[in-house]
Amino acid sequence: MPHFGNRSRGHLDSCHSDIQKVFNEVIKHIDCSVTEGYRDALAQNRYYDEGKSKVKHPHGRHNKIPSLAADVTPYPVDYADLERQTLFAGFVLGVAKMMGIDMIWGNDWDGDFQTKDTQLKDYPHFELVHKIGKEE
């Protein structure tokens, strides 16, 4: 059975408990790597400068403690295999939905099940959807 390595476990441990619940279930079925959870100011602002994020620190979902976002990809890691990334995202979102946890994916930011309207494509990105005042 797949399991998280130490690096993935460390990244996942920096995330909100609902993200941990989802990916602890996902790993039982699909081998994957958690490449990022909490992100500090230096990393967040670097991603902004590189055009990989639309927000500077501290406005990113990765910038909260615990992190409200995680970057997770199927293992072995192949960011160029977008079909595999998409298939994985569908599985993750389905698991989250069955657990009653609302998440969005970085290739469908508005959660409308359409990807052609997405400008920033961040295939490994998953984040919690919280109503205002409900963030933990």
C-alpha atoms as a PDB file:
ATOM      1  CA  MET A   1       0.000   0.000   0.000  1.00  0.00           C
ATOM      2  CA  PRO A   2       1.329   3.500  -0.811  1.00  0.00           C
ATOM      3  CA  HIS A   3       2.428   5.720   2.036  1.00  0.00           C
ATOM      4  CA  PHE A   4       3.868   9.195   2.482  1.00  0.00           C
ATOM      5  CA  GLY A   5       7.607   9.629   2.811  1.00  0.00           C
ATOM      6  CA  ASN A   6       9.082  11.860   5.500  1.00  0.00           C
ATOM      7  CA  ARG A   7       9.181  14.982   3.315  1.00  0.00           C
ATOM      8  CA  SER A   8       5.562  14.584   2.185  1.00  0.00           C
ATOM      9  CA  ARG A   9       4.465  13.843   5.750  1.00  0.00           C
ATOM     10  CA  GLY A  10       6.189  17.008   6.978  1.00  0.00           C
ATOM     11  CA  HIS A  11       4.467  19.141   4.340  1.00  0.00           C
ATOM     12  CA  LEU A  12       1.096  17.532   5.043  1.00  0.00           C
ATOM     13  CA  ASP A  13       1.513  18.017   8.796  1.00  0.00           C
ATOM     14  CA  SER A  14       1.742  21.788   8.177  1.00  0.00           C
ATOM     15  CA  CYS A  15      -1.765  21.749   6.653  1.00  0.00           C
ATOM     16  CA  HIS A  16      -5.249  22.163   8.073  1.00  0.00           C
ATOM     17  CA  SER A  17      -6.691  18.952   9.543  1.00  0.00           C
ATOM     18  CA  ASP A  18      -9.296  18.696   6.753  1.00  0.00           C
ATOM     19  CA  ILE A  19      -6.545  18.651   4.109  1.00  0.00           C
ATOM     20  CA  GLN A  20      -4.753  16.002   6.137  1.00  0.00           C
ATOM     21  CA  LYS A  21      -7.934  13.906   6.300  1.00  0.00           C
ATOM     22  CA  VAL A  22      -8.435  14.052   2.533  1.00  0.00           C
ATOM     23  CA  PHE A  23      -4.877  13.152   1.578  1.00  0.00           C
ATOM     24  CA  ASN A  24      -4.549  10.484   4.262  1.00  0.00           C
ATOM     25  CA  GLU A  25      -7.472   8.810   2.489  1.00  0.00           C
ATOM     26  CA  VAL A  26      -6.131   9.481  -1.020  1.00  0.00           C
ATOM     27  CA  ILE A  27      -2.769   7.865  -0.212  1.00  0.00           C
ATOM     28  CA  LYS A  28      -4.577   4.617   0.621  1.00  0.00           C
ATOM     29  CA  HIS A  29      -5.535   4.370  -3.066  1.00  0.00           C
ATOM     30  CA  ILE A  30      -3.052   6.405  -5.118  1.00  0.00           C
ATOM     31  CA  ASP A  31       0.629   6.985  -4.459  1.00  0.00           C
ATOM     32  CA  CYS A  32       1.275  10.721  -4.321  1.00  0.00           C
ATOM     33  CA  SER A  33       3.712  13.305  -3.015  1.00  0.00           C
ATOM     34  CA  VAL A  34       2.908  16.405  -0.998  1.00  0.00           C
ATOM     35  CA  THR A  35       5.335  18.946  -2.397  1.00  0.00           C
ATOM     36  CA  GLU A  36       4.212  21.902  -0.321  1.00  0.00           C
ATOM     37  CA  GLY A  37       1.977  22.852   2.567  1.00  0.00           C
ATOM     38  CA  TYR A  38       2.809  25.969   4.562  1.00  0.00           C
ATOM     39  CA  ARG A  39       4.778  28.531   2.534  1.00  0.00           C
ATOM     40  CA  ASP A  40       6.849  31.297   4.129  1.00  0.00           C
ATOM     41  CA  ALA A  41       7.128  34.889   2.879  1.00  0.00           C
ATOM     42  CA  LEU A  42      10.313  34.314   0.878  1.00  0.00           C
ATOM     43  CA  ALA A  43       8.854  31.382  -1.078  1.00  0.00           C
ATOM     44  CA  GLN A  44       5.445  33.021  -1.589  1.00  0.00           C
ATOM     45  CA  ASN A  45       6.916  36.250  -2.911  1.00  0.00           C
ATOM     46  CA  ARG A  46       9.310  34.314  -5.192  1.00  0.00           C
ATOM     47  CA  TYR A  47       6.338  32.447  -6.703  1.00  0.00           C
ATOM     48  CA  TYR A  48       4.562  35.781  -7.171  1.00  0.00           C
ATOM     49  CA  ASP A  49       7.605  37.293  -8.906  1.00  0.00           C
ATOM     50  CA  GLU A  50       7.835  34.224 -11.176  1.00  0.00           C
ATOM     51  CA  GLY A  51       4.137  34.480 -12.100  1.00  0.00           C
ATOM     52  CA  LYS A  52       3.295  31.190 -10.367  1.00  0.00           C
ATOM     53  CA  SER A  53       1.038  32.938  -7.839  1.00  0.00           C
ATOM     54  CA  LYS A  54      -1.311  35.884  -8.112  1.00  0.00           C
ATOM     55  CA  VAL A  55      -0.795  37.022  -4.511  1.00  0.00           C
ATOM     56  CA  LYS A  56       2.095  38.144  -2.328  1.00  0.00           C
ATOM     57  CA  HIS A  57       2.661  37.003   1.246  1.00  0.00           C
ATOM     58  CA  PRO A  58       0.640  36.919   3.539  1.00  0.00           C
ATOM     59  CA  HIS A  59      -2.396  36.699   1.239  1.00  0.00           C
ATOM     60  CA  GLY A  60      -1.856  33.155  -0.074  1.00  0.00           C
ATOM     61  CA  ARG A  61      -3.766  30.151   1.238  1.00  0.00           C
ATOM     62  CA  HIS A  62      -0.377  28.483   1.793  1.00  0.00           C
ATOM     63  CA  ASN A  63       0.636  31.367   4.098  1.00  0.00           C
ATOM     64  CA  LYS A  64      -1.671  30.478   6.996  1.00  0.00           C
ATOM     65  CA  ILE A  65      -0.758  28.268   9.928  1.00  0.00           C
ATOM     66  CA  PRO A  66      -2.079  25.675   9.473  1.00  0.00           C
ATOM     67  CA  SER A  67      -1.930  25.952   5.701  1.00  0.00           C
ATOM     68  CA  LEU A  68      -5.290  26.078   3.927  1.00  0.00           C
ATOM     69  CA  ALA A  69      -3.683  24.742   0.740  1.00  0.00           C
ATOM     70  CA  ALA A  70      -1.421  21.911  -0.326  1.00  0.00           C
ATOM     71  CA  ASP A  71       0.428  21.076  -3.513  1.00  0.00           C
ATOM     72  CA  VAL A  72       0.081  17.359  -4.164  1.00  0.00           C
ATOM     73  CA  THR A  73       0.920  15.335  -7.260  1.00  0.00           C
ATOM     74  CA  PRO A  74       0.774  11.671  -8.205  1.00  0.00           C
ATOM     75  CA  TYR A  75       3.999   9.725  -7.693  1.00  0.00           C
ATOM     76  CA  PRO A  76       6.305   9.387  -9.516  1.00  0.00           C
ATOM     77  CA  VAL A  77       6.224  13.121 -10.087  1.00  0.00           C
ATOM     78  CA  ASP A  78       5.702  14.174 -13.720  1.00  0.00           C
ATOM     79  CA  TYR A  79       4.312  17.699 -13.893  1.00  0.00           C
ATOM     80  CA  ALA A  80       4.238  17.516 -17.703  1.00  0.00           C
ATOM     81  CA  ASP A  81       1.638  14.718 -17.691  1.00  0.00           C
ATOM     82  CA  LEU A  82      -1.396  16.985 -17.449  1.00  0.00           C
ATOM     83  CA  GLU A  83      -3.897  14.199 -18.124  1.00  0.00           C
ATOM     84  CA  ARG A  84      -2.559  12.286 -15.127  1.00  0.00           C
ATOM     85  CA  GLN A  85      -2.631  15.451 -13.014  1.00  0.00           C
ATOM     86  CA  THR A  86      -6.253  16.027 -14.042  1.00  0.00           C
ATOM     87  CA  LEU A  87      -7.284  12.431 -13.342  1.00  0.00           C
ATOM     88  CA  PHE A  88      -5.637  12.677  -9.914  1.00  0.00           C
ATOM     89  CA  ALA A  89      -7.420  15.969  -9.175  1.00  0.00           C
ATOM     90  CA  GLY A  90     -10.777  14.400  -9.994  1.00  0.00           C
ATOM     91  CA  PHE A  91     -10.063  11.571  -7.578  1.00  0.00           C
ATOM     92  CA  VAL A  92      -8.963  13.983  -4.833  1.00  0.00           C
ATOM     93  CA  LEU A  93     -12.016  16.193  -5.263  1.00  0.00           C
ATOM     94  CA  GLY A  94     -14.284  13.139  -5.219  1.00  0.00           C
ATOM     95  CA  VAL A  95     -12.723  11.865  -2.001  1.00  0.00           C
ATOM     96  CA  ALA A  96     -13.060  15.310  -0.421  1.00  0.00           C
ATOM     97  CA  LYS A  97     -16.722  15.556  -1.488  1.00  0.00           C
ATOM     98  CA  MET A  98     -17.501  12.113  -0.039  1.00  0.00           C
ATOM     99  CA  MET A  99     -15.912  13.242   3.231  1.00  0.00           C
ATOM    100  CA  GLY A 100     -18.001  16.436   3.278  1.00  0.00           C
ATOM    101  CA  ILE A 101     -14.937  18.641   2.784  1.00  0.00           C
ATOM    102  CA  ASP A 102     -15.159  21.428   0.200  1.00  0.00           C
ATOM    103  CA  MET A 103     -12.006  21.853  -1.857  1.00  0.00           C
ATOM    104  CA  ILE A 104     -11.060  23.532  -5.085  1.00  0.00           C
ATOM    105  CA  TRP A 105      -8.306  22.639  -7.502  1.00  0.00           C
ATOM    106  CA  GLY A 106      -5.751  24.946  -9.120  1.00  0.00           C
ATOM    107  CA  ASN A 107      -7.106  24.341 -12.610  1.00  0.00           C
ATOM    108  CA  ASP A 108     -10.706  25.149 -11.637  1.00  0.00           C
ATOM    109  CA  TRP A 109     -10.430  28.087  -9.235  1.00  0.00           C
ATOM    110  CA  ASP A 110     -14.109  28.960  -9.344  1.00  0.00           C
ATOM    111  CA  GLY A 111     -15.218  25.356  -8.822  1.00  0.00           C
ATOM    112  CA  ASP A 112     -17.564  25.383 -11.818  1.00  0.00           C
ATOM    113  CA  PHE A 113     -16.206  22.098 -13.256  1.00  0.00           C
ATOM    114  CA  GLN A 114     -14.818  24.021 -16.254  1.00  0.00           C
ATOM    115  CA  THR A 115     -11.084  24.346 -16.853  1.00  0.00           C
ATOM    116  CA  LYS A 116     -11.013  26.385 -20.058  1.00  0.00           C
ATOM    117  CA  ASP A 117     -11.868  29.573 -18.136  1.00  0.00           C
ATOM    118  CA  THR A 118      -8.820  29.244 -15.881  1.00  0.00           C
ATOM    119  CA  GLN A 119      -5.916  31.627 -16.500  1.00  0.00           C
ATOM    120  CA  LEU A 120      -3.514  30.474 -13.781  1.00  0.00           C
ATOM    121  CA  LYS A 121      -3.112  26.725 -14.150  1.00  0.00           C
ATOM    122  CA  ASP A 122      -1.695  25.201 -10.967  1.00  0.00           C
ATOM    123  CA  TYR A 123      -2.336  21.485 -11.391  1.00  0.00           C
ATOM    124  CA  PRO A 124      -0.881  20.269  -8.052  1.00  0.00           C
ATOM    125  CA  HIS A 125      -2.746  22.913  -5.986  1.00  0.00           C
ATOM    126  CA  PHE A 126      -5.691  22.005  -3.742  1.00  0.00           C
ATOM    127  CA  GLU A 127      -7.230  24.321  -1.189  1.00  0.00           C
ATOM    128  CA  LEU A 128     -10.065  24.364   1.280  1.00  0.00           C
ATOM    129  CA  VAL A 129     -13.167  26.376   0.572  1.00  0.00           C
ATOM    130  CA  HIS A 130     -14.232  28.186   3.697  1.00  0.00           C
ATOM    131  CA  LYS A 131     -16.994  30.670   4.242  1.00  0.00           C
ATOM    132  CA  ILE A 132     -15.901  34.037   5.611  1.00  0.00           C
ATOM    133  CA  GLY A 133     -15.214  33.783   9.319  1.00  0.00           C
ATOM    134  CA  LYS A 134     -14.903  29.998   9.214  1.00  0.00           C
ATOM    135  CA  GLU A 135     -11.155  29.741   8.602  1.00  0.00           C
ATOM    136  CA  GLU A 136      -9.268  27.960  11.316  1.00  0.00           C
END
